[in-house]
C-alpha atoms as a PDB file:
ATOM      1  CA  MET A   1     -11.261  -9.125   8.941  1.00  0.00           C
ATOM      2  CA  SER A   2      -8.485 -11.465   6.760  1.00  0.00           C
ATOM      3  CA  SER A   3      -5.252  -9.425   5.816  1.00  0.00           C
ATOM      4  CA  SER A   4      -4.714 -10.412   2.276  1.00  0.00           C
ATOM      5  CA  VAL A   5      -3.477  -9.293  -1.775  1.00  0.00           C
ATOM      6  CA  ASP A   6      -5.875 -10.025  -4.330  1.00  0.00           C
ATOM      7  CA  GLN A   7      -4.146 -10.201  -7.667  1.00  0.00           C
ATOM      8  CA  GLN A   8      -5.295  -9.469 -10.720  1.00  0.00           C
ATOM      9  CA  ALA A   9      -3.855  -9.742 -14.328  1.00  0.00           C
ATOM     10  CA  GLY A  10      -5.594  -9.920 -17.658  1.00  0.00           C
ATOM     11  CA  PRO A  11      -3.286 -11.264 -20.363  1.00  0.00           C
ATOM     12  CA  SER A  12      -1.609  -8.221 -21.167  1.00  0.00           C
ATOM     13  CA  GLN A  13      -1.990  -6.509 -17.481  1.00  0.00           C
ATOM     14  CA  SER A  14       0.878  -6.310 -15.146  1.00  0.00           C
ATOM     15  CA  VAL A  15       0.103  -8.092 -11.776  1.00  0.00           C
ATOM     16  CA  ARG A  16      -0.971  -5.295  -9.206  1.00  0.00           C
ATOM     17  CA  PRO A  17      -2.166  -5.140  -5.301  1.00  0.00           C
ATOM     18  CA  HIS A  18      -5.509  -4.370  -4.766  1.00  0.00           C
ATOM     19  CA  LEU A  19      -5.997  -2.799  -1.068  1.00  0.00           C
ATOM     20  CA  GLU A  20      -9.316  -3.382   0.594  1.00  0.00           C
ATOM     21  CA  VAL A  21     -11.043  -0.349   1.939  1.00  0.00           C
ATOM     22  CA  GLY A  22     -10.410  -0.550   5.448  1.00  0.00           C
ATOM     23  CA  MET A  23      -7.273  -3.098   6.162  1.00  0.00           C
ATOM     24  CA  THR A  24      -5.319  -2.515   8.418  1.00  0.00           C
ATOM     25  CA  LYS A  25      -3.198  -5.579   8.506  1.00  0.00           C
ATOM     26  CA  GLN A  26       0.111  -4.961   7.070  1.00  0.00           C
ATOM     27  CA  VAL A  27       0.294  -6.047   3.609  1.00  0.00           C
ATOM     28  CA  GLN A  28       2.556  -8.619   2.006  1.00  0.00           C
ATOM     29  CA  LEU A  29       3.869  -8.223  -1.017  1.00  0.00           C
ATOM     30  CA  SER A  30       5.612 -11.142  -2.855  1.00  0.00           C
ATOM     31  CA  HIS A  31       8.655  -9.050  -4.055  1.00  0.00           C
ATOM     32  CA  GLY A  32       9.331 -12.780  -6.864  1.00  0.00           C
ATOM     33  CA  ALA A  33      11.045 -11.895 -10.403  1.00  0.00           C
ATOM     34  CA  ARG A  34      10.219  -8.475 -10.643  1.00  0.00           C
ATOM     35  CA  SER A  35      12.268  -5.563 -12.739  1.00  0.00           C
ATOM     36  CA  GLY A  36      12.932  -2.955 -10.361  1.00  0.00           C
ATOM     37  CA  THR A  37      10.606  -0.836 -12.193  1.00  0.00           C
ATOM     38  CA  ASP A  38       7.843  -2.639 -11.787  1.00  0.00           C
ATOM     39  CA  ARG A  39       8.223  -2.620  -8.354  1.00  0.00           C
ATOM     40  CA  LEU A  40       8.941   1.233  -8.607  1.00  0.00           C
ATOM     41  CA  SER A  41       5.114   1.642 -10.491  1.00  0.00           C
ATOM     42  CA  GLU A  42       3.691  -1.268  -7.747  1.00  0.00           C
ATOM     43  CA  VAL A  43       5.369   0.952  -4.736  1.00  0.00           C
ATOM     44  CA  GLU A  44       4.493   3.643  -5.210  1.00  0.00           C
ATOM     45  CA  ALA A  45       0.190   3.002  -6.645  1.00  0.00           C
ATOM     46  CA  LEU A  46       0.176   0.749  -2.750  1.00  0.00           C
ATOM     47  CA  HIS A  47       1.822   4.414  -0.961  1.00  0.00           C
ATOM     48  CA  ARG A  48      -1.110   6.096  -3.195  1.00  0.00           C
ATOM     49  CA  SER A  49      -3.407   4.021  -1.937  1.00  0.00           C
ATOM     50  CA  LEU A  50      -2.760   3.958   1.208  1.00  0.00           C
ATOM     51  CA  ASP A  51      -2.684   7.752   1.604  1.00  0.00           C
ATOM     52  CA  ALA A  52      -5.788   7.911  -0.354  1.00  0.00           C
ATOM     53  CA  ARG A  53      -7.061   5.649   2.758  1.00  0.00           C
ATOM     54  CA  ILE A  54      -5.490   8.170   5.483  1.00  0.00           C
ATOM     55  CA  GLN A  55      -6.669  11.555   3.818  1.00  0.00           C
ATOM     56  CA  GLU A  56     -10.835   9.840   3.379  1.00  0.00           C
ATOM     57  CA  LEU A  57     -10.534   9.096   6.961  1.00  0.00           C
ATOM     58  CA  ALA A  58      -8.787  12.665   8.314  1.00  0.00           C
ATOM     59  CA  SER A  59     -12.044  14.245   6.103  1.00  0.00           C
ATOM     60  CA  ARG A  60     -14.103  13.696   9.228  1.00  0.00           C
ATOM     61  CA  VAL A  61     -15.530  14.970  11.905  1.00  0.00           C
ATOM     62  CA  TYR A  62     -14.990  11.953  14.697  1.00  0.00           C
ATOM     63  CA  LEU A  63     -12.961   8.905  14.413  1.00  0.00           C
ATOM     64  CA  THR A  64     -14.485   5.871  15.878  1.00  0.00           C
ATOM     65  CA  PRO A  65     -11.780   3.848  17.922  1.00  0.00           C
ATOM     66  CA  ALA A  66     -11.166   1.229  15.527  1.00  0.00           C
ATOM     67  CA  GLU A  67     -10.625   4.072  13.250  1.00  0.00           C
ATOM     68  CA  GLN A  68      -8.093   6.378  14.926  1.00  0.00           C
ATOM     69  CA  VAL A  69      -5.765   2.927  15.241  1.00  0.00           C
ATOM     70  CA  GLU A  70      -6.361   2.234  11.133  1.00  0.00           C
ATOM     71  CA  VAL A  71      -5.189   5.434  11.089  1.00  0.00           C
ATOM     72  CA  ALA A  72      -1.879   5.059  13.414  1.00  0.00           C
ATOM     73  CA  ASP A  73      -1.785   1.415  11.323  1.00  0.00           C
ATOM     74  CA  LEU A  74      -1.966   3.079   7.467  1.00  0.00           C
ATOM     75  CA  LYS A  75       0.297   5.813   8.895  1.00  0.00           C
ATOM     76  CA  LYS A  76       2.824   3.036   9.528  1.00  0.00           C
ATOM     77  CA  GLN A  77       2.087   1.511   5.999  1.00  0.00           C
ATOM     78  CA  LYS A  78       2.837   4.063   4.473  1.00  0.00           C
ATOM     79  CA  LEU A  79       6.583   4.929   6.095  1.00  0.00           C
ATOM     80  CA  LYS A  80       7.440   1.552   5.426  1.00  0.00           C
ATOM     81  CA  LEU A  81       6.367   1.781   1.872  1.00  0.00           C
ATOM     82  CA  LYS A  82       8.173   5.176   2.244  1.00  0.00           C
ATOM     83  CA  ASP A  83      11.920   3.478   3.033  1.00  0.00           C
ATOM     84  CA  GLU A  84      11.489   1.158   0.473  1.00  0.00           C
ATOM     85  CA  LEU A  85      10.505   3.683  -2.446  1.00  0.00           C
ATOM     86  CA  GLN A  86      13.360   5.592  -0.920  1.00  0.00           C
ATOM     87  CA  ALA A  87      16.032   1.927  -1.611  1.00  0.00           C
ATOM     88  CA  ILE A  88      14.419   0.984  -4.796  1.00  0.00           C
ATOM     89  CA  ARG A  89      15.124   4.670  -6.365  1.00  0.00           C
ATOM     90  CA  SER A  90      18.386   4.529  -4.569  1.00  0.00           C
ATOM     91  CA  GLY A  91      19.275   1.003  -5.819  1.00  0.00           C
ATOM     92  CA  SER A  92      17.981   2.116  -9.323  1.00  0.00           C
ATOM     93  CA  SER A  93      20.448   4.959 -10.118  1.00  0.00           C
END
């Protein structure tokens, strides 16, 4: 499975990452010349999408070994994003 971030933007939309369902690889996001608020919103949205996938998997009665690995990977990514959120928030205070 390929790990990529789809970038979608219309004329007046901001660029947002799209997380594929089932993606287990680290999502690499560009750190271009965006404002701290834009980056904060982007990371918060990604954090929520990871949490939603974790909750979806947690609601199942049984997880395959691959799904168990996916949950572990998602939790690691979520922790890294939480650290990044904290760094952004402390830098913008």
